[in-house]
PDB file of N, CA and C in Angstrom:
ATOM      1  N   MET A   1     105.616 122.342 101.886  1.00  0.00           N
ATOM      2  CA  MET A   1     106.887 121.777 102.279  1.00  0.00           C
ATOM      3  C   MET A   1     107.183 120.569 101.400  1.00  0.00           C
ATOM      4  N   GLN A   2     108.300 120.571 100.759  1.00  0.00           N
ATOM      5  CA  GLN A   2     108.691 119.466  99.882  1.00  0.00           C
ATOM      6  C   GLN A   2     109.748 118.627 100.589  1.00  0.00           C
ATOM      7  N   TYR A   3     109.579 117.318 100.504  1.00  0.00           N
ATOM      8  CA  TYR A   3     110.523 116.398 101.127  1.00  0.00           C
ATOM      9  C   TYR A   3     111.754 116.259 100.247  1.00  0.00           C
ATOM     10  N   VAL A   4     112.913 116.433 100.853  1.00  0.00           N
ATOM     11  CA  VAL A   4     114.178 116.245 100.149  1.00  0.00           C
ATOM     12  C   VAL A   4     114.862 115.055 100.800  1.00  0.00           C
ATOM     13  N   PRO A   5     115.067 113.949 100.070  1.00  0.00           N
ATOM     14  CA  PRO A   5     115.644 112.764 100.697  1.00  0.00           C
ATOM     15  C   PRO A   5     117.091 112.979 101.104  1.00  0.00           C
ATOM     16  N   ASN A   6     117.475 112.295 102.133  1.00  0.00           N
ATOM     17  CA  ASN A   6     118.837 112.368 102.649  1.00  0.00           C
ATOM     18  C   ASN A   6     119.553 111.101 102.212  1.00  0.00           C
ATOM     19  N   TYR A   7     120.552 111.243 101.357  1.00  0.00           N
ATOM     20  CA  TYR A   7     121.307 110.095 100.887  1.00  0.00           C
ATOM     21  C   TYR A   7     122.626 110.022 101.645  1.00  0.00           C
ATOM     22  N   PRO A   8     122.765 109.103 102.617  1.00  0.00           N
ATOM     23  CA  PRO A   8     124.015 109.018 103.370  1.00  0.00           C
ATOM     24  C   PRO A   8     125.118 108.394 102.530  1.00  0.00           C
ATOM     25  N   ASN A   9     126.330 108.739 102.855  1.00  0.00           N
ATOM     26  CA  ASN A   9     127.481 108.148 102.191  1.00  0.00           C
ATOM     27  C   ASN A   9     127.713 106.776 102.818  1.00  0.00           C
ATOM     28  N   LEU A  10     127.478 105.713 102.067  1.00  0.00           N
ATOM     29  CA  LEU A  10     127.560 104.372 102.626  1.00  0.00           C
ATOM     30  C   LEU A  10     128.987 103.979 102.989  1.00  0.00           C
ATOM     31  N   ASN A  11     129.975 104.632 102.405  1.00  0.00           N
ATOM     32  CA  ASN A  11     131.360 104.318 102.746  1.00  0.00           C
ATOM     33  C   ASN A  11     131.741 104.840 104.120  1.00  0.00           C
ATOM     34  N   ASP A  12     131.092 105.929 104.557  1.00  0.00           N
ATOM     35  CA  ASP A  12     131.422 106.504 105.855  1.00  0.00           C
ATOM     36  C   ASP A  12     130.450 106.088 106.945  1.00  0.00           C
ATOM     37  N   MET A  13     129.513 105.211 106.632  1.00  0.00           N
ATOM     38  CA  MET A  13     128.488 104.874 107.599  1.00  0.00           C
ATOM     39  C   MET A  13     129.039 104.067 108.773  1.00  0.00           C
ATOM     40  N   PHE A  14     129.856 103.098 108.485  1.00  0.00           N
ATOM     41  CA  PHE A  14     130.395 102.238 109.530  1.00  0.00           C
ATOM     42  C   PHE A  14     131.921 102.345 109.529  1.00  0.00           C
ATOM     43  N   ILE A  15     132.400 103.363 110.162  1.00  0.00           N
ATOM     44  CA  ILE A  15     133.840 103.604 110.208  1.00  0.00           C
ATOM     45  C   ILE A  15     134.470 102.604 111.167  1.00  0.00           C
ATOM     46  N   LYS A  16     135.502 101.954 110.727  1.00  0.00           N
ATOM     47  CA  LYS A  16     136.191 100.973 111.563  1.00  0.00           C
ATOM     48  C   LYS A  16     137.163 101.714 112.489  1.00  0.00           C
ATOM     49  N   PRO A  17     136.982 101.588 113.794  1.00  0.00           N
ATOM     50  CA  PRO A  17     137.903 102.264 114.708  1.00  0.00           C
ATOM     51  C   PRO A  17     139.271 101.586 114.675  1.00  0.00           C
ATOM     52  N   THR A  18     140.301 102.378 114.856  1.00  0.00           N
ATOM     53  CA  THR A  18     141.646 101.825 114.859  1.00  0.00           C
ATOM     54  C   THR A  18     141.938 101.260 116.243  1.00  0.00           C
ATOM     55  N   VAL A  19     142.607 100.130 116.249  1.00  0.00           N
ATOM     56  CA  VAL A  19     142.980  99.504 117.516  1.00  0.00           C
ATOM     57  C   VAL A  19     144.256 100.175 117.998  1.00  0.00           C
ATOM     58  N   PRO A  20     144.275 100.616 119.249  1.00  0.00           N
ATOM     59  CA  PRO A  20     145.479 101.289 119.749  1.00  0.00           C
ATOM     60  C   PRO A  20     146.680 100.350 119.705  1.00  0.00           C
ATOM     61  N   ASN A  21     147.786 100.879 119.246  1.00  0.00           N
ATOM     62  CA  ASN A  21     149.020 100.110 119.161  1.00  0.00           C
ATOM     63  C   ASN A  21     149.936 100.561 120.293  1.00  0.00           C
ATOM     64  N   MET A  22     149.598 100.152 121.489  1.00  0.00           N
ATOM     65  CA  MET A  22     150.353 100.552 122.668  1.00  0.00           C
ATOM     66  C   MET A  22     150.933  99.321 123.346  1.00  0.00           C
ATOM     67  N   GLU A  23     152.029  99.529 123.982  1.00  0.00           N
ATOM     68  CA  GLU A  23     152.643  98.432 124.722  1.00  0.00           C
ATOM     69  C   GLU A  23     152.073  98.407 126.129  1.00  0.00           C
ATOM     70  N   MET A  24     151.832  97.208 126.592  1.00  0.00           N
ATOM     71  CA  MET A  24     151.355  97.058 127.964  1.00  0.00           C
ATOM     72  C   MET A  24     152.512  97.369 128.917  1.00  0.00           C
ATOM     73  N   PRO A  25     152.196  97.967 130.050  1.00  0.00           N
ATOM     74  CA  PRO A  25     153.284  98.265 130.994  1.00  0.00           C
ATOM     75  C   PRO A  25     153.880  96.970 131.549  1.00  0.00           C
ATOM     76  N   ASN A  26     155.176  96.980 131.698  1.00  0.00           N
ATOM     77  CA  ASN A  26     155.880  95.820 132.246  1.00  0.00           C
ATOM     78  C   ASN A  26     156.004  95.982 133.756  1.00  0.00           C
ATOM     79  N   TYR A  27     155.642  94.945 134.449  1.00  0.00           N
ATOM     80  CA  TYR A  27     155.761  94.962 135.906  1.00  0.00           C
ATOM     81  C   TYR A  27     156.963  94.099 136.276  1.00  0.00           C
ATOM     82  N   GLU A  28     157.983  94.772 136.696  1.00  0.00           N
ATOM     83  CA  GLU A  28     159.217  94.058 137.045  1.00  0.00           C
ATOM     84  C   GLU A  28     159.287  93.879 138.544  1.00  0.00           C
ATOM     85  N   LYS A  29     159.898  92.783 138.911  1.00  0.00           N
ATOM     86  CA  LYS A  29     160.080  92.527 140.333  1.00  0.00           C
ATOM     87  C   LYS A  29     161.049  93.550 140.909  1.00  0.00           C
ATOM     88  N   GLY A  30     160.767  93.946 142.078  1.00  0.00           N
ATOM     89  CA  GLY A  30     161.662  94.867 142.751  1.00  0.00           C
ATOM     90  C   GLY A  30     161.240  96.314 142.620  1.00  0.00           C
ATOM     91  N   LYS A  31     160.218  96.606 141.802  1.00  0.00           N
ATOM     92  CA  LYS A  31     159.756  97.991 141.676  1.00  0.00           C
ATOM     93  C   LYS A  31     158.801  98.291 142.817  1.00  0.00           C
ATOM     94  N   SER A  32     158.825  99.515 143.230  1.00  0.00           N
ATOM     95  CA  SER A  32     157.917  99.929 144.300  1.00  0.00           C
ATOM     96  C   SER A  32     156.509 100.106 143.734  1.00  0.00           C
ATOM     97  N   PRO A  33     155.484 100.049 144.569  1.00  0.00           N
ATOM     98  CA  PRO A  33     154.119 100.270 144.086  1.00  0.00           C
ATOM     99  C   PRO A  33     153.949 101.637 143.418  1.00  0.00           C
ATOM    100  N   TYR A  34     154.696 102.619 143.887  1.00  0.00           N
ATOM    101  CA  TYR A  34     154.616 103.946 143.285  1.00  0.00           C
ATOM    102  C   TYR A  34     155.114 103.903 141.846  1.00  0.00           C
ATOM    103  N   GLU A  35     156.219 103.194 141.605  1.00  0.00           N
ATOM    104  CA  GLU A  35     156.756 103.076 140.250  1.00  0.00           C
ATOM    105  C   GLU A  35     155.795 102.292 139.348  1.00  0.00           C
ATOM    106  N   LEU A  36     155.145 101.267 139.906  1.00  0.00           N
ATOM    107  CA  LEU A  36     154.165 100.505 139.133  1.00  0.00           C
ATOM    108  C   LEU A  36     152.983 101.395 138.750  1.00  0.00           C
ATOM    109  N   LEU A  37     152.512 102.231 139.673  1.00  0.00           N
ATOM    110  CA  LEU A  37     151.418 103.150 139.385  1.00  0.00           C
ATOM    111  C   LEU A  37     151.816 104.181 138.338  1.00  0.00           C
ATOM    112  N   GLU A  38     153.061 104.652 138.403  1.00  0.00           N
ATOM    113  CA  GLU A  38     153.522 105.609 137.396  1.00  0.00           C
ATOM    114  C   GLU A  38     153.527 104.991 136.001  1.00  0.00           C
ATOM    115  N   SER A  39     154.022 103.768 135.899  1.00  0.00           N
ATOM    116  CA  SER A  39     154.056 103.125 134.576  1.00  0.00           C
ATOM    117  C   SER A  39     152.637 102.847 134.079  1.00  0.00           C
ATOM    118  N   GLN A  40     151.745 102.492 135.007  1.00  0.00           N
ATOM    119  CA  GLN A  40     150.361 102.242 134.591  1.00  0.00           C
ATOM    120  C   GLN A  40     149.676 103.539 134.171  1.00  0.00           C
ATOM    121  N   SER A  41     149.921 104.643 134.859  1.00  0.00           N
ATOM    122  CA  SER A  41     149.305 105.920 134.475  1.00  0.00           C
ATOM    123  C   SER A  41     149.859 106.411 133.144  1.00  0.00           C
ATOM    124  N   ALA A  42     151.132 106.156 132.866  1.00  0.00           N
ATOM    125  CA  ALA A  42     151.708 106.533 131.573  1.00  0.00           C
ATOM    126  C   ALA A  42     151.015 105.751 130.456  1.00  0.00           C
ATOM    127  N   TYR A  43     150.755 104.473 130.706  1.00  0.00           N
ATOM    128  CA  TYR A  43     150.043 103.656 129.715  1.00  0.00           C
ATOM    129  C   TYR A  43     148.630 104.196 129.490  1.00  0.00           C
ATOM    130  N   LEU A  44     147.948 104.530 130.550  1.00  0.00           N
ATOM    131  CA  LEU A  44     146.585 105.043 130.421  1.00  0.00           C
ATOM    132  C   LEU A  44     146.558 106.384 129.702  1.00  0.00           C
ATOM    133  N   GLU A  45     147.564 107.226 129.939  1.00  0.00           N
ATOM    134  CA  GLU A  45     147.624 108.508 129.221  1.00  0.00           C
ATOM    135  C   GLU A  45     147.821 108.287 127.730  1.00  0.00           C
ATOM    136  N   LYS A  46     148.586 107.275 127.357  1.00  0.00           N
ATOM    137  CA  LYS A  46     148.804 106.990 125.940  1.00  0.00           C
ATOM    138  C   LYS A  46     147.531 106.466 125.272  1.00  0.00           C
ATOM    139  N   THR A  47     146.795 105.615 125.979  1.00  0.00           N
ATOM    140  CA  THR A  47     145.614 104.998 125.366  1.00  0.00           C
ATOM    141  C   THR A  47     144.361 105.851 125.483  1.00  0.00           C
ATOM    142  N   SER A  48     144.342 106.840 126.339  1.00  0.00           N
ATOM    143  CA  SER A  48     143.107 107.613 126.548  1.00  0.00           C
ATOM    144  C   SER A  48     142.698 108.369 125.280  1.00  0.00           C
ATOM    145  N   LYS A  49     143.672 108.890 124.521  1.00  0.00           N
ATOM    146  CA  LYS A  49     143.327 109.611 123.301  1.00  0.00           C
ATOM    147  C   LYS A  49     142.677 108.675 122.284  1.00  0.00           C
ATOM    148  N   GLU A  50     143.242 107.483 122.115  1.00  0.00           N
ATOM    149  CA  GLU A  50     142.657 106.531 121.171  1.00  0.00           C
ATOM    150  C   GLU A  50     141.260 106.116 121.610  1.00  0.00           C
ATOM    151  N   LEU A  51     141.081 105.894 122.912  1.00  0.00           N
ATOM    152  CA  LEU A  51     139.755 105.522 123.404  1.00  0.00           C
ATOM    153  C   LEU A  51     138.766 106.669 123.227  1.00  0.00           C
ATOM    154  N   HIS A  52     139.235 107.886 123.427  1.00  0.00           N
ATOM    155  CA  HIS A  52     138.359 109.049 123.217  1.00  0.00           C
ATOM    156  C   HIS A  52     137.974 109.163 121.742  1.00  0.00           C
ATOM    157  N   ASP A  53     138.922 108.930 120.851  1.00  0.00           N
ATOM    158  CA  ASP A  53     138.625 108.966 119.414  1.00  0.00           C
ATOM    159  C   ASP A  53     137.617 107.878 119.030  1.00  0.00           C
ATOM    160  N   MET A  54     137.757 106.696 119.620  1.00  0.00           N
ATOM    161  CA  MET A  54     136.811 105.614 119.337  1.00  0.00           C
ATOM    162  C   MET A  54     135.414 105.986 119.839  1.00  0.00           C
ATOM    163  N   ALA A  55     135.348 106.635 120.992  1.00  0.00           N
ATOM    164  CA  ALA A  55     134.048 107.058 121.520  1.00  0.00           C
ATOM    165  C   ALA A  55     133.426 108.127 120.621  1.00  0.00           C
ATOM    166  N   GLN A  56     134.227 109.050 120.135  1.00  0.00           N
ATOM    167  CA  GLN A  56     133.727 110.085 119.227  1.00  0.00           C
ATOM    168  C   GLN A  56     133.219 109.452 117.935  1.00  0.00           C
ATOM    169  N   SER A  57     133.938 108.455 117.427  1.00  0.00           N
ATOM    170  CA  SER A  57     133.505 107.774 116.207  1.00  0.00           C
ATOM    171  C   SER A  57     132.171 107.069 116.430  1.00  0.00           C
ATOM    172  N   ALA A  58     132.024 106.419 117.577  1.00  0.00           N
ATOM    173  CA  ALA A  58     130.750 105.745 117.884  1.00  0.00           C
ATOM    174  C   ALA A  58     129.628 106.763 118.009  1.00  0.00           C
ATOM    175  N   LYS A  59     129.922 107.919 118.591  1.00  0.00           N
ATOM    176  CA  LYS A  59     128.902 108.963 118.732  1.00  0.00           C
ATOM    177  C   LYS A  59     128.485 109.494 117.362  1.00  0.00           C
ATOM    178  N   SER A  60     129.445 109.702 116.473  1.00  0.00           N
ATOM    179  CA  SER A  60     129.096 110.201 115.139  1.00  0.00           C
ATOM    180  C   SER A  60     128.282 109.165 114.363  1.00  0.00           C
ATOM    181  N   GLN A  61     128.588 107.878 114.540  1.00  0.00           N
ATOM    182  CA  GLN A  61     127.789 106.831 113.891  1.00  0.00           C
ATOM    183  C   GLN A  61     126.365 106.829 114.432  1.00  0.00           C
ATOM    184  N   ALA A  62     126.226 107.009 115.735  1.00  0.00           N
ATOM    185  CA  ALA A  62     124.887 107.043 116.339  1.00  0.00           C
ATOM    186  C   ALA A  62     124.108 108.251 115.833  1.00  0.00           C
ATOM    187  N   ASP A  63     124.778 109.399 115.722  1.00  0.00           N
ATOM    188  CA  ASP A  63     124.108 110.595 115.204  1.00  0.00           C
ATOM    189  C   ASP A  63     123.667 110.390 113.756  1.00  0.00           C
ATOM    190  N   SER A  64     124.528 109.750 112.965  1.00  0.00           N
ATOM    191  CA  SER A  64     124.179 109.471 111.569  1.00  0.00           C
ATOM    192  C   SER A  64     122.981 108.532 111.491  1.00  0.00           C
ATOM    193  N   ALA A  65     122.973 107.511 112.333  1.00  0.00           N
ATOM    194  CA  ALA A  65     121.838 106.577 112.348  1.00  0.00           C
ATOM    195  C   ALA A  65     120.562 107.288 112.784  1.00  0.00           C
ATOM    196  N   LYS A  66     120.680 108.235 113.705  1.00  0.00           N
ATOM    197  CA  LYS A  66     119.506 108.987 114.156  1.00  0.00           C
ATOM    198  C   LYS A  66     118.961 109.847 113.025  1.00  0.00           C
ATOM    199  N   GLU A  67     119.837 110.487 112.255  1.00  0.00           N
ATOM    200  CA  GLU A  67     119.400 111.294 111.110  1.00  0.00           C
ATOM    201  C   GLU A  67     118.690 110.425 110.074  1.00  0.00           C
ATOM    202  N   ILE A  68     119.231 109.243 109.823  1.00  0.00           N
ATOM    203  CA  ILE A  68     118.615 108.333 108.853  1.00  0.00           C
ATOM    204  C   ILE A  68     117.244 107.904 109.346  1.00  0.00           C
ATOM    205  N   ALA A  69     117.120 107.629 110.641  1.00  0.00           N
ATOM    206  CA  ALA A  69     115.822 107.224 111.198  1.00  0.00           C
ATOM    207  C   ALA A  69     114.800 108.356 111.092  1.00  0.00           C
ATOM    208  N   GLU A  70     115.233 109.577 111.374  1.00  0.00           N
ATOM    209  CA  GLU A  70     114.314 110.715 111.259  1.00  0.00           C
ATOM    210  C   GLU A  70     113.890 110.931 109.806  1.00  0.00           C
ATOM    211  N   SER A  71     114.829 110.779 108.894  1.00  0.00           N
ATOM    212  CA  SER A  71     114.513 110.914 107.470  1.00  0.00           C
ATOM    213  C   SER A  71     113.530 109.833 107.031  1.00  0.00           C
ATOM    214  N   SER A  72     113.722 108.619 107.513  1.00  0.00           N
ATOM    215  CA  SER A  72     112.809 107.526 107.174  1.00  0.00           C
ATOM    216  C   SER A  72     111.420 107.783 107.731  1.00  0.00           C
ATOM    217  N   LYS A  73     111.346 108.331 108.938  1.00  0.00           N
ATOM    218  CA  LYS A  73     110.044 108.634 109.531  1.00  0.00           C
ATOM    219  C   LYS A  73     109.326 109.706 108.708  1.00  0.00           C
ATOM    220  N   THR A  74     110.056 110.731 108.296  1.00  0.00           N
ATOM    221  CA  THR A  74     109.463 111.780 107.476  1.00  0.00           C
ATOM    222  C   THR A  74     108.952 111.203 106.157  1.00  0.00           C
ATOM    223  N   GLN A  75     109.749 110.355 105.549  1.00  0.00           N
ATOM    224  CA  GLN A  75     109.349 109.741 104.279  1.00  0.00           C
ATOM    225  C   GLN A  75     108.115 108.861 104.467  1.00  0.00           C
ATOM    226  N   ALA A  76     108.038 108.127 105.566  1.00  0.00           N
ATOM    227  CA  ALA A  76     106.867 107.285 105.834  1.00  0.00           C
ATOM    228  C   ALA A  76     105.622 108.139 106.060  1.00  0.00           C
ATOM    229  N   ASP A  77     105.771 109.266 106.754  1.00  0.00           N
ATOM    230  CA  ASP A  77     104.626 110.159 106.971  1.00  0.00           C
ATOM    231  C   ASP A  77     104.111 110.726 105.653  1.00  0.00           C
ATOM    232  N   VAL A  78     105.027 111.122 104.775  1.00  0.00           N
ATOM    233  CA  VAL A  78     104.628 111.662 103.466  1.00  0.00           C
ATOM    234  C   VAL A  78     103.925 110.584 102.644  1.00  0.00           C
ATOM    235  N   ALA A  79     104.445 109.355 102.683  1.00  0.00           N
ATOM    236  CA  ALA A  79     103.826 108.260 101.939  1.00  0.00           C
ATOM    237  C   ALA A  79     102.429 107.952 102.477  1.00  0.00           C
ATOM    238  N   LEU A  80     102.256 108.043 103.790  1.00  0.00           N
ATOM    239  CA  LEU A  80     100.937 107.791 104.388  1.00  0.00           C
ATOM    240  C   LEU A  80      99.930 108.848 103.945  1.00  0.00           C
ATOM    241  N   LYS A  81     100.335 110.118 103.927  1.00  0.00           N
ATOM    242  CA  LYS A  81      99.433 111.181 103.469  1.00  0.00           C
ATOM    243  C   LYS A  81      99.075 110.997 101.997  1.00  0.00           C
ATOM    244  N   THR A  82     100.052 110.643 101.182  1.00  0.00           N
ATOM    245  CA  THR A  82      99.804 110.438  99.753  1.00  0.00           C
ATOM    246  C   THR A  82      98.846 109.275  99.527  1.00  0.00           C
ATOM    247  N   SER A  83      99.038 108.197 100.275  1.00  0.00           N
ATOM    248  CA  SER A  83      98.157 107.040 100.097  1.00  0.00           C
ATOM    249  C   SER A  83      96.747 107.349 100.580  1.00  0.00           C
ATOM    250  N   SER A  84      96.608 108.180 101.604  1.00  0.00           N
ATOM    251  CA  SER A  84      95.273 108.563 102.070  1.00  0.00           C
ATOM    252  C   SER A  84      94.534 109.356 100.997  1.00  0.00           C
ATOM    253  N   LYS A  85      95.248 110.278 100.338  1.00  0.00           N
ATOM    254  CA  LYS A  85      94.633 111.054  99.257  1.00  0.00           C
ATOM    255  C   LYS A  85      94.218 110.150  98.107  1.00  0.00           C
ATOM    256  N   ALA A  86      95.070 109.190  97.765  1.00  0.00           N
ATOM    257  CA  ALA A  86      94.743 108.270  96.674  1.00  0.00           C
ATOM    258  C   ALA A  86      93.545 107.399  97.044  1.00  0.00           C
ATOM    259  N   ASP A  87      93.443 107.004  98.291  1.00  0.00           N
ATOM    260  CA  ASP A  87      92.313 106.186  98.741  1.00  0.00           C
ATOM    261  C   ASP A  87      91.011 106.964  98.630  1.00  0.00           C
ATOM    262  N   ILE A  88      91.011 108.217  99.018  1.00  0.00           N
ATOM    263  CA  ILE A  88      89.810 109.057  98.920  1.00  0.00           C
ATOM    264  C   ILE A  88      89.400 109.231  97.456  1.00  0.00           C
ATOM    265  N   LYS A  89      90.366 109.491  96.582  1.00  0.00           N
ATOM    266  CA  LYS A  89      90.065 109.644  95.161  1.00  0.00           C
ATOM    267  C   LYS A  89      89.507 108.354  94.577  1.00  0.00           C
ATOM    268  N   GLY A  90      90.001 107.217  95.021  1.00  0.00           N
ATOM    269  CA  GLY A  90      89.503 105.930  94.537  1.00  0.00           C
ATOM    270  C   GLY A  90      88.048 105.718  94.930  1.00  0.00           C
ATOM    271  N   TRP A  91      87.696 106.033  96.165  1.00  0.00           N
ATOM    272  CA  TRP A  91      86.304 105.869  96.599  1.00  0.00           C
ATOM    273  C   TRP A  91      85.377 106.853  95.874  1.00  0.00           C
ATOM    274  N   ILE A  92      85.858 108.055  95.610  1.00  0.00           N
ATOM    275  CA  ILE A  92      85.034 109.015  94.847  1.00  0.00           C
ATOM    276  C   ILE A  92      84.752 108.469  93.456  1.00  0.00           C
ATOM    277  N   SER A  93      85.766 107.879  92.814  1.00  0.00           N
ATOM    278  CA  SER A  93      85.545 107.332  91.464  1.00  0.00           C
ATOM    279  C   SER A  93      84.585 106.145  91.498  1.00  0.00           C
ATOM    280  N   VAL A  94      84.624 105.333  92.543  1.00  0.00           N
ATOM    281  CA  VAL A  94      83.686 104.212  92.662  1.00  0.00           C
ATOM    282  C   VAL A  94      82.260 104.730  92.802  1.00  0.00           C
ATOM    283  N   VAL A  95      82.054 105.734  93.633  1.00  0.00           N
ATOM    284  CA  VAL A  95      80.713 106.297  93.831  1.00  0.00           C
ATOM    285  C   VAL A  95      80.191 106.906  92.536  1.00  0.00           C
ATOM    286  N   VAL A  96      81.047 107.650  91.825  1.00  0.00           N
ATOM    287  CA  VAL A  96      80.631 108.261  90.555  1.00  0.00           C
ATOM    288  C   VAL A  96      80.268 107.173  89.545  1.00  0.00           C
ATOM    289  N   SER A  97      81.022 106.091  89.495  1.00  0.00           N
ATOM    290  CA  SER A  97      80.723 104.995  88.562  1.00  0.00           C
ATOM    291  C   SER A  97      79.382 104.356  88.885  1.00  0.00           C
ATOM    292  N   ILE A  98      79.101 104.140  90.167  1.00  0.00           N
ATOM    293  CA  ILE A  98      77.813 103.546  90.554  1.00  0.00           C
ATOM    294  C   ILE A  98      76.661 104.476  90.186  1.00  0.00           C
ATOM    295  N   ILE A  99      76.827 105.772  90.445  1.00  0.00           N
ATOM    296  CA  ILE A  99      75.780 106.741  90.095  1.00  0.00           C
ATOM    297  C   ILE A  99      75.543 106.757  88.591  1.00  0.00           C
ATOM    298  N   CYS A 100      76.620 106.724  87.799  1.00  0.00           N
ATOM    299  CA  CYS A 100      76.486 106.710  86.335  1.00  0.00           C
ATOM    300  C   CYS A 100      75.785 105.439  85.861  1.00  0.00           C
ATOM    301  N   ALA A 101      76.097 104.309  86.479  1.00  0.00           N
ATOM    302  CA  ALA A 101      75.448 103.058  86.087  1.00  0.00           C
ATOM    303  C   ALA A 101      73.960 103.106  86.411  1.00  0.00           C
ATOM    304  N   LEU A 102      73.603 103.637  87.575  1.00  0.00           N
ATOM    305  CA  LEU A 102      72.192 103.762  87.941  1.00  0.00           C
ATOM    306  C   LEU A 102      71.457 104.726  87.006  1.00  0.00           C
ATOM    307  N   MET A 103      72.094 105.826  86.637  1.00  0.00           N
ATOM    308  CA  MET A 103      71.470 106.778  85.710  1.00  0.00           C
ATOM    309  C   MET A 103      71.269 106.133  84.339  1.00  0.00           C
ATOM    310  N   GLU A 104      72.262 105.371  83.893  1.00  0.00           N
ATOM    311  CA  GLU A 104      72.153 104.690  82.605  1.00  0.00           C
ATOM    312  C   GLU A 104      70.988 103.703  82.630  1.00  0.00           C
ATOM    313  N   PHE A 105      70.851 102.966  83.720  1.00  0.00           N
ATOM    314  CA  PHE A 105      69.746 102.014  83.840  1.00  0.00           C
ATOM    315  C   PHE A 105      68.407 102.751  83.892  1.00  0.00           C
ATOM    316  N   ALA A 106      68.348 103.892  84.610  1.00  0.00           N
ATOM    317  CA  ALA A 106      67.089 104.647  84.708  1.00  0.00           C
ATOM    318  C   ALA A 106      66.668 105.194  83.347  1.00  0.00           C
ATOM    319  N   VAL A 107      67.612 105.652  82.541  1.00  0.00           N
ATOM    320  CA  VAL A 107      67.287 106.255  81.250  1.00  0.00           C
ATOM    321  C   VAL A 107      66.904 105.185  80.236  1.00  0.00           C
ATOM    322  N   HIS A 108      67.619 104.068  80.203  1.00  0.00           N
ATOM    323  CA  HIS A 108      67.414 103.046  79.171  1.00  0.00           C
ATOM    324  C   HIS A 108      66.862 101.749  79.758  1.00  0.00           C
ATOM    325  N   HIS A 109      66.047 101.821  80.796  1.00  0.00           N
ATOM    326  CA  HIS A 109      65.591 100.601  81.456  1.00  0.00           C
ATOM    327  C   HIS A 109      64.712  99.738  80.544  1.00  0.00           C
ATOM    328  N   SER A 110      63.908 100.342  79.734  1.00  0.00           N
ATOM    329  CA  SER A 110      63.039  99.537  78.859  1.00  0.00           C
ATOM    330  C   SER A 110      63.873  98.778  77.833  1.00  0.00           C
ATOM    331  N   GLU A 111      64.888  99.414  77.275  1.00  0.00           N
ATOM    332  CA  GLU A 111      65.735  98.735  76.295  1.00  0.00           C
ATOM    333  C   GLU A 111      66.539  97.610  76.951  1.00  0.00           C
ATOM    334  N   ILE A 112      66.979  97.845  78.154  1.00  0.00           N
ATOM    335  CA  ILE A 112      67.761  96.827  78.861  1.00  0.00           C
ATOM    336  C   ILE A 112      66.878  95.624  79.191  1.00  0.00           C
ATOM    337  N   ILE A 113      65.650  95.874  79.632  1.00  0.00           N
ATOM    338  CA  ILE A 113      64.727  94.782  79.954  1.00  0.00           C
ATOM    339  C   ILE A 113      64.406  93.973  78.700  1.00  0.00           C
ATOM    340  N   ASP A 114      64.159  94.656  77.571  1.00  0.00           N
ATOM    341  CA  ASP A 114      63.888  93.944  76.313  1.00  0.00           C
ATOM    342  C   ASP A 114      65.090  93.092  75.899  1.00  0.00           C
ATOM    343  N   PHE A 115      66.287  93.613  76.065  1.00  0.00           N
ATOM    344  CA  PHE A 115      67.503  92.876  75.709  1.00  0.00           C
ATOM    345  C   PHE A 115      67.655  91.632  76.576  1.00  0.00           C
ATOM    346  N   VAL A 116      67.371  91.756  77.855  1.00  0.00           N
ATOM    347  CA  VAL A 116      67.471  90.614  78.770  1.00  0.00           C
ATOM    348  C   VAL A 116      66.431  89.569  78.406  1.00  0.00           C
ATOM    349  N   LYS A 117      65.212  90.012  78.000  1.00  0.00           N
ATOM    350  CA  LYS A 117      64.178  89.049  77.599  1.00  0.00           C
ATOM    351  C   LYS A 117      64.582  88.287  76.355  1.00  0.00           C
ATOM    352  N   VAL A 118      65.247  88.996  75.413  1.00  0.00           N
ATOM    353  CA  VAL A 118      65.704  88.328  74.197  1.00  0.00           C
ATOM    354  C   VAL A 118      66.779  87.294  74.545  1.00  0.00           C
ATOM    355  N   LEU A 119      67.664  87.617  75.434  1.00  0.00           N
ATOM    356  CA  LEU A 119      68.703  86.684  75.844  1.00  0.00           C
ATOM    357  C   LEU A 119      68.136  85.483  76.587  1.00  0.00           C
ATOM    358  N   ALA A 120      67.055  85.676  77.322  1.00  0.00           N
ATOM    359  CA  ALA A 120      66.458  84.599  78.106  1.00  0.00           C
ATOM    360  C   ALA A 120      65.742  83.585  77.224  1.00  0.00           C
ATOM    361  N   LYS A 121      65.310  83.969  76.044  1.00  0.00           N
ATOM    362  CA  LYS A 121      64.572  83.045  75.170  1.00  0.00           C
ATOM    363  C   LYS A 121      65.424  82.033  74.520  1.00  0.00           C
TER     364      LYS A 121
END
């Protein structure tokens, strides 16, 4: 499985919702409560579509943020696996180097001891 990064469009990430351009209902003296309720319900019917659109926009932003978070988690998991493999390879190379140094000392120990004695004088 190969990881394919998700590059979001940064211009569409934070969409600015439009502010509804509606007039507030006017409450005039002398109107019956029924007429006041009718004018208020007409106002709510006008603004409900804009509020629904704003809610949909917020939902799409949340979904986009969730996709980005999931993509980041996948990328972090892949990086962790890669670093674990590199760590194992590093320790193998250290062990091989130590073994080679010990073998070199075992094969040429007399020459190394003579060299150290010359340096000590």
